[in-house]
C-alpha atoms as a PDB file:
ATOM      1  CA  MET A   1      35.124  84.477  20.892  1.00  0.00           C
ATOM      2  CA  ARG A   2      32.494  81.777  21.255  1.00  0.00           C
ATOM      3  CA  ALA A   3      33.158  78.061  21.395  1.00  0.00           C
ATOM      4  CA  HIS A   4      31.151  75.411  19.606  1.00  0.00           C
ATOM      5  CA  PRO A   5      28.188  74.142  21.703  1.00  0.00           C
ATOM      6  CA  SER A   6      29.535  70.562  21.679  1.00  0.00           C
ATOM      7  CA  VAL A   7      32.618  71.542  23.707  1.00  0.00           C
ATOM      8  CA  PRO A   8      30.882  71.653  27.139  1.00  0.00           C
ATOM      9  CA  LEU A   9      29.241  68.295  26.434  1.00  0.00           C
ATOM     10  CA  GLY A  10      32.577  66.755  25.447  1.00  0.00           C
ATOM     11  CA  VAL A  11      34.246  68.145  28.575  1.00  0.00           C
ATOM     12  CA  ALA A  12      31.397  66.802  30.722  1.00  0.00           C
ATOM     13  CA  ILE A  13      31.817  63.315  29.221  1.00  0.00           C
ATOM     14  CA  LEU A  14      35.574  63.466  29.900  1.00  0.00           C
ATOM     15  CA  LEU A  15      34.871  64.522  33.481  1.00  0.00           C
ATOM     16  CA  VAL A  16      32.436  61.622  33.997  1.00  0.00           C
ATOM     17  CA  ALA A  17      34.997  59.225  32.503  1.00  0.00           C
ATOM     18  CA  ALA A  18      37.676  60.509  34.907  1.00  0.00           C
ATOM     19  CA  LEU A  19      35.414  60.424  37.985  1.00  0.00           C
ATOM     20  CA  THR A  20      34.098  56.908  37.295  1.00  0.00           C
ATOM     21  CA  GLN A  21      37.519  55.728  36.047  1.00  0.00           C
ATOM     22  CA  LYS A  22      35.867  54.164  33.019  1.00  0.00           C
ATOM     23  CA  TRP A  23      38.184  55.450  30.317  1.00  0.00           C
ATOM     24  CA  TYR A  24      36.246  53.896  27.455  1.00  0.00           C
ATOM     25  CA  LEU A  25      33.648  56.671  28.045  1.00  0.00           C
ATOM     26  CA  ALA A  26      36.284  59.167  26.905  1.00  0.00           C
ATOM     27  CA  LEU A  27      35.920  57.761  23.382  1.00  0.00           C
ATOM     28  CA  PHE A  28      32.437  59.285  23.240  1.00  0.00           C
ATOM     29  CA  SER A  29      33.878  62.750  23.788  1.00  0.00           C
ATOM     30  CA  ALA A  30      36.383  62.483  20.923  1.00  0.00           C
ATOM     31  CA  PRO A  31      33.903  63.273  18.084  1.00  0.00           C
ATOM     32  CA  LEU A  32      32.629  66.243  20.092  1.00  0.00           C
ATOM     33  CA  LEU A  33      36.008  67.703  20.975  1.00  0.00           C
ATOM     34  CA  LEU A  34      37.985  66.970  17.793  1.00  0.00           C
ATOM     35  CA  PRO A  35      36.468  69.788  15.645  1.00  0.00           C
ATOM     36  CA  ALA A  36      36.944  72.257  18.510  1.00  0.00           C
ATOM     37  CA  LEU A  37      40.579  71.240  18.974  1.00  0.00           C
ATOM     38  CA  LEU A  38      41.214  71.527  15.231  1.00  0.00           C
ATOM     39  CA  GLY A  39      39.590  74.942  15.266  1.00  0.00           C
ATOM     40  CA  LEU A  40      41.832  76.080  18.109  1.00  0.00           C
ATOM     41  CA  THR A  41      45.077  74.846  16.597  1.00  0.00           C
ATOM     42  CA  LEU A  42      44.731  75.042  12.824  1.00  0.00           C
ATOM     43  CA  LEU A  43      42.105  77.610  11.970  1.00  0.00           C
ATOM     44  CA  ASP A  44      41.388  81.145  12.943  1.00  0.00           C
ATOM     45  CA  GLY A  45      37.941  82.751  13.342  1.00  0.00           C
ATOM     46  CA  ARG A  46      39.163  86.313  13.739  1.00  0.00           C
ATOM     47  CA  ALA A  47      37.243  89.113  12.111  1.00  0.00           C
ATOM     48  CA  ASP A  48      40.218  91.410  11.517  1.00  0.00           C
ATOM     49  CA  GLY A  49      40.286  90.748   7.767  1.00  0.00           C
ATOM     50  CA  VAL A  50      36.567  91.293   7.144  1.00  0.00           C
ATOM     51  CA  ARG A  51      35.346  94.782   6.251  1.00  0.00           C
ATOM     52  CA  VAL A  52      31.679  95.786   6.256  1.00  0.00           C
ATOM     53  CA  GLU A  53      30.103  99.018   5.058  1.00  0.00           C
ATOM     54  CA  ARG A  54      26.446 100.138   5.075  1.00  0.00           C
ATOM     55  CA  CYS A  55      25.140 102.665   2.540  1.00  0.00           C
ATOM     56  CA  ILE A  56      21.669 104.206   2.861  1.00  0.00           C
ATOM     57  CA  SER A  57      20.092 105.846  -0.199  1.00  0.00           C
ATOM     58  CA  ALA A  58      18.526 108.727   1.768  1.00  0.00           C
ATOM     59  CA  ARG A  59      18.804 110.003   5.334  1.00  0.00           C
ATOM     60  CA  ARG A  60      15.464 111.837   5.064  1.00  0.00           C
ATOM     61  CA  VAL A  61      12.315 110.372   3.548  1.00  0.00           C
ATOM     62  CA  THR A  62       8.610 111.116   3.788  1.00  0.00           C
ATOM     63  CA  VAL A  63       6.000 108.729   5.149  1.00  0.00           C
ATOM     64  CA  GLY A  64       5.143 106.036   2.613  1.00  0.00           C
ATOM     65  CA  ARG A  65       8.374 106.375   0.636  1.00  0.00           C
ATOM     66  CA  GLU A  66      11.018 103.686   0.286  1.00  0.00           C
ATOM     67  CA  LEU A  67      14.720 103.841   0.949  1.00  0.00           C
ATOM     68  CA  ARG A  68      17.383 101.401  -0.189  1.00  0.00           C
ATOM     69  CA  VAL A  69      20.017  99.963   2.125  1.00  0.00           C
ATOM     70  CA  ALA A  70      23.125  98.331   0.640  1.00  0.00           C
ATOM     71  CA  ILE A  71      25.661  96.398   2.710  1.00  0.00           C
ATOM     72  CA  THR A  72      29.068  95.539   1.268  1.00  0.00           C
ATOM     73  CA  CYS A  73      31.090  92.767   2.896  1.00  0.00           C
ATOM     74  CA  GLU A  74      34.688  92.142   1.830  1.00  0.00           C
ATOM     75  CA  ASN A  75      37.166  89.479   2.935  1.00  0.00           C
ATOM     76  CA  SER A  76      40.618  91.041   2.738  1.00  0.00           C
ATOM     77  CA  SER A  77      42.288  88.251   4.701  1.00  0.00           C
ATOM     78  CA  GLY A  78      44.149  85.311   3.207  1.00  0.00           C
ATOM     79  CA  ARG A  79      41.707  82.656   4.442  1.00  0.00           C
ATOM     80  CA  THR A  80      38.160  81.521   3.774  1.00  0.00           C
ATOM     81  CA  VAL A  81      35.651  82.659   6.384  1.00  0.00           C
ATOM     82  CA  VAL A  82      31.969  82.144   7.046  1.00  0.00           C
ATOM     83  CA  VAL A  83      30.236  85.466   7.737  1.00  0.00           C
ATOM     84  CA  GLU A  84      26.843  85.957   9.354  1.00  0.00           C
ATOM     85  CA  LEU A  85      25.326  89.439   9.023  1.00  0.00           C
ATOM     86  CA  GLU A  86      22.170  90.787  10.631  1.00  0.00           C
ATOM     87  CA  ASP A  87      20.887  94.338  10.328  1.00  0.00           C
ATOM     88  CA  ARG A  88      18.310  95.356  12.916  1.00  0.00           C
ATOM     89  CA  VAL A  89      15.339  97.303  11.580  1.00  0.00           C
ATOM     90  CA  PRO A  90      13.366  99.468  14.046  1.00  0.00           C
ATOM     91  CA  THR A  91       9.602  99.470  14.297  1.00  0.00           C
ATOM     92  CA  GLY A  92       8.184 102.164  12.060  1.00  0.00           C
ATOM     93  CA  LEU A  93      10.286 100.951   9.145  1.00  0.00           C
ATOM     94  CA  THR A  94       9.190  97.768   7.358  1.00  0.00           C
ATOM     95  CA  VAL A  95      11.175  95.599   4.967  1.00  0.00           C
ATOM     96  CA  THR A  96       9.490  95.513   1.546  1.00  0.00           C
ATOM     97  CA  ASP A  97      12.128  93.756  -0.532  1.00  0.00           C
ATOM     98  CA  GLY A  98      15.084  91.566   0.435  1.00  0.00           C
ATOM     99  CA  ALA A  99      16.224  90.202   3.776  1.00  0.00           C
ATOM    100  CA  THR A 100      18.068  91.642   6.756  1.00  0.00           C
ATOM    101  CA  ARG A 101      19.984  88.479   7.695  1.00  0.00           C
ATOM    102  CA  TRP A 102      22.586  86.651   5.600  1.00  0.00           C
ATOM    103  CA  LEU A 103      25.001  83.735   5.975  1.00  0.00           C
ATOM    104  CA  VAL A 104      27.740  83.616   3.350  1.00  0.00           C
ATOM    105  CA  VAL A 105      31.115  81.961   2.715  1.00  0.00           C
ATOM    106  CA  LEU A 106      33.736  84.465   1.585  1.00  0.00           C
ATOM    107  CA  LYS A 107      36.918  83.326  -0.113  1.00  0.00           C
ATOM    108  CA  PRO A 108      40.089  85.441   0.169  1.00  0.00           C
ATOM    109  CA  GLY A 109      39.631  88.767  -1.624  1.00  0.00           C
ATOM    110  CA  GLU A 110      35.934  88.170  -2.335  1.00  0.00           C
ATOM    111  CA  ARG A 111      33.382  90.968  -2.024  1.00  0.00           C
ATOM    112  CA  ARG A 112      29.585  90.607  -1.749  1.00  0.00           C
ATOM    113  CA  LEU A 113      26.778  93.148  -1.914  1.00  0.00           C
ATOM    114  CA  PHE A 114      23.525  92.676   0.002  1.00  0.00           C
ATOM    115  CA  ALA A 115      20.576  95.022  -0.423  1.00  0.00           C
ATOM    116  CA  TYR A 116      17.069  95.478   0.892  1.00  0.00           C
ATOM    117  CA  ARG A 117      14.355  98.137   0.796  1.00  0.00           C
ATOM    118  CA  LEU A 118      12.532  99.781   3.681  1.00  0.00           C
ATOM    119  CA  ARG A 119       9.226 101.636   3.716  1.00  0.00           C
ATOM    120  CA  ALA A 120       8.516 104.317   6.286  1.00  0.00           C
ATOM    121  CA  SER A 121       5.107 103.770   7.900  1.00  0.00           C
ATOM    122  CA  ARG A 122       5.178 106.612  10.436  1.00  0.00           C
ATOM    123  CA  ARG A 123       7.129 109.790  11.028  1.00  0.00           C
ATOM    124  CA  GLY A 124       9.997 110.164  13.469  1.00  0.00           C
ATOM    125  CA  ARG A 125      13.700 109.505  13.880  1.00  0.00           C
ATOM    126  CA  PHE A 126      14.776 105.880  13.665  1.00  0.00           C
ATOM    127  CA  ALA A 127      18.120 104.262  14.406  1.00  0.00           C
ATOM    128  CA  LEU A 128      18.872 101.697  11.704  1.00  0.00           C
ATOM    129  CA  GLY A 129      21.094  99.041  13.199  1.00  0.00           C
ATOM    130  CA  PRO A 130      23.429  98.188  14.749  1.00  0.00           C
ATOM    131  CA  LEU A 131      24.687  95.793  12.093  1.00  0.00           C
ATOM    132  CA  ALA A 132      25.779  92.592  13.842  1.00  0.00           C
ATOM    133  CA  LEU A 133      28.654  90.712  12.230  1.00  0.00           C
ATOM    134  CA  ARG A 134      29.767  87.231  13.262  1.00  0.00           C
ATOM    135  CA  VAL A 135      32.802  85.659  11.594  1.00  0.00           C
ATOM    136  CA  TRP A 136      33.187  81.862  11.859  1.00  0.00           C
ATOM    137  CA  ASP A 137      36.110  79.663  10.979  1.00  0.00           C
ATOM    138  CA  PRO A 138      35.402  77.106   8.174  1.00  0.00           C
ATOM    139  CA  LEU A 139      34.683  74.296  10.670  1.00  0.00           C
ATOM    140  CA  LEU A 140      32.156  76.520  12.502  1.00  0.00           C
ATOM    141  CA  THR A 141      33.884  75.855  15.813  1.00  0.00           C
ATOM    142  CA  ARG A 142      34.869  79.404  16.773  1.00  0.00           C
ATOM    143  CA  SER A 143      33.414  82.803  16.042  1.00  0.00           C
ATOM    144  CA  GLU A 144      34.052  86.440  16.765  1.00  0.00           C
ATOM    145  CA  GLU A 145      31.316  89.048  16.976  1.00  0.00           C
ATOM    146  CA  LEU A 146      31.549  92.666  15.905  1.00  0.00           C
ATOM    147  CA  SER A 147      28.975  95.366  15.340  1.00  0.00           C
ATOM    148  CA  LEU A 148      28.724  98.374  13.085  1.00  0.00           C
ATOM    149  CA  SER A 149      27.172 101.429  14.688  1.00  0.00           C
ATOM    150  CA  SER A 150      23.599 102.420  13.963  1.00  0.00           C
ATOM    151  CA  GLU A 151      22.690 105.209  11.568  1.00  0.00           C
ATOM    152  CA  GLU A 152      19.796 107.613  11.920  1.00  0.00           C
ATOM    153  CA  VAL A 153      16.992 107.907   9.386  1.00  0.00           C
ATOM    154  CA  THR A 154      14.496 110.784   9.650  1.00  0.00           C
ATOM    155  CA  VAL A 155      10.970 110.228   8.380  1.00  0.00           C
ATOM    156  CA  LEU A 156       9.079 113.451   7.691  1.00  0.00           C
ATOM    157  CA  PRO A 157       5.301 113.780   7.365  1.00  0.00           C
ATOM    158  CA  GLN A 158       3.833 114.195   3.922  1.00  0.00           C
ATOM    159  CA  VAL A 159       3.349 117.830   2.970  1.00  0.00           C
ATOM    160  CA  ARG A 160       0.601 118.526   0.484  1.00  0.00           C
ATOM    161  CA  ARG A 161       0.643 121.626  -1.620  1.00  0.00           C
ATOM    162  CA  LEU A 162      -2.534 123.657  -1.451  1.00  0.00           C
ATOM    163  CA  LEU A 163      -3.417 124.999  -4.863  1.00  0.00           C
ATOM    164  CA  TRP A 164      -6.402 127.058  -3.779  1.00  0.00           C
ATOM    165  CA  LEU A 165      -7.521 127.992  -0.308  1.00  0.00           C
ATOM    166  CA  PRO A 166     -10.852 129.818  -0.062  1.00  0.00           C
ATOM    167  CA  VAL A 167     -10.746 132.784   2.303  1.00  0.00           C
ATOM    168  CA  ARG A 168     -13.979 134.490   3.302  1.00  0.00           C
ATOM    169  CA  ARG A 169     -14.008 138.229   2.988  1.00  0.00           C
ATOM    170  CA  SER A 170     -14.850 139.905   6.227  1.00  0.00           C
ATOM    171  CA  VAL A 171     -16.175 143.345   6.948  1.00  0.00           C
ATOM    172  CA  THR A 172     -15.472 145.329  10.085  1.00  0.00           C
ATOM    173  CA  LEU A 173     -18.475 146.198  12.226  1.00  0.00           C
ATOM    174  CA  PRO A 174     -18.850 149.495  13.990  1.00  0.00           C
ATOM    175  CA  GLY A 175     -17.336 148.027  17.192  1.00  0.00           C
ATOM    176  CA  PHE A 176     -13.575 148.052  17.530  1.00  0.00           C
ATOM    177  CA  GLY A 177     -12.033 144.731  16.465  1.00  0.00           C
ATOM    178  CA  GLU A 178     -15.287 142.872  15.824  1.00  0.00           C
ATOM    179  CA  TYR A 179     -15.712 140.750  12.699  1.00  0.00           C
ATOM    180  CA  PRO A 180     -18.875 139.112  11.369  1.00  0.00           C
END
């Protein structure tokens, strides 16, 4: 759980007001602390009602080919939440279409689909992810972070089919095992 960045500033102003015994300074901390206090008492930024699933079109691709990644985010809780998603893409895979970071407001029971395409630029095994998920309450005062594990994508080199391969005919010379 992370607190809003204005909370430490509001607490510092309250501390200065108490140390200097100038209580009118405490009025300056009220606009900074009020959203945080409302977030603590009235609203909930828990991520227990948010479900996320990643679907990759292919686990094995060849160099230069594209693969599609689809992320489904569903709010199964009874409250509106603000969801921030970020999928980490390793070097060797480049994003050709779409984005890997989203910020969306999900109403109760709402489901959203996010998609992007990757192109493999070199061969190897790449870990796609982890998918970072941050769920905020509607006042953006509290958040909870979760992550979805990474998935492996294997990029194979291009294999070209040889239609005709010339082979030179060799003749054995009188010596054992010698070829011209």
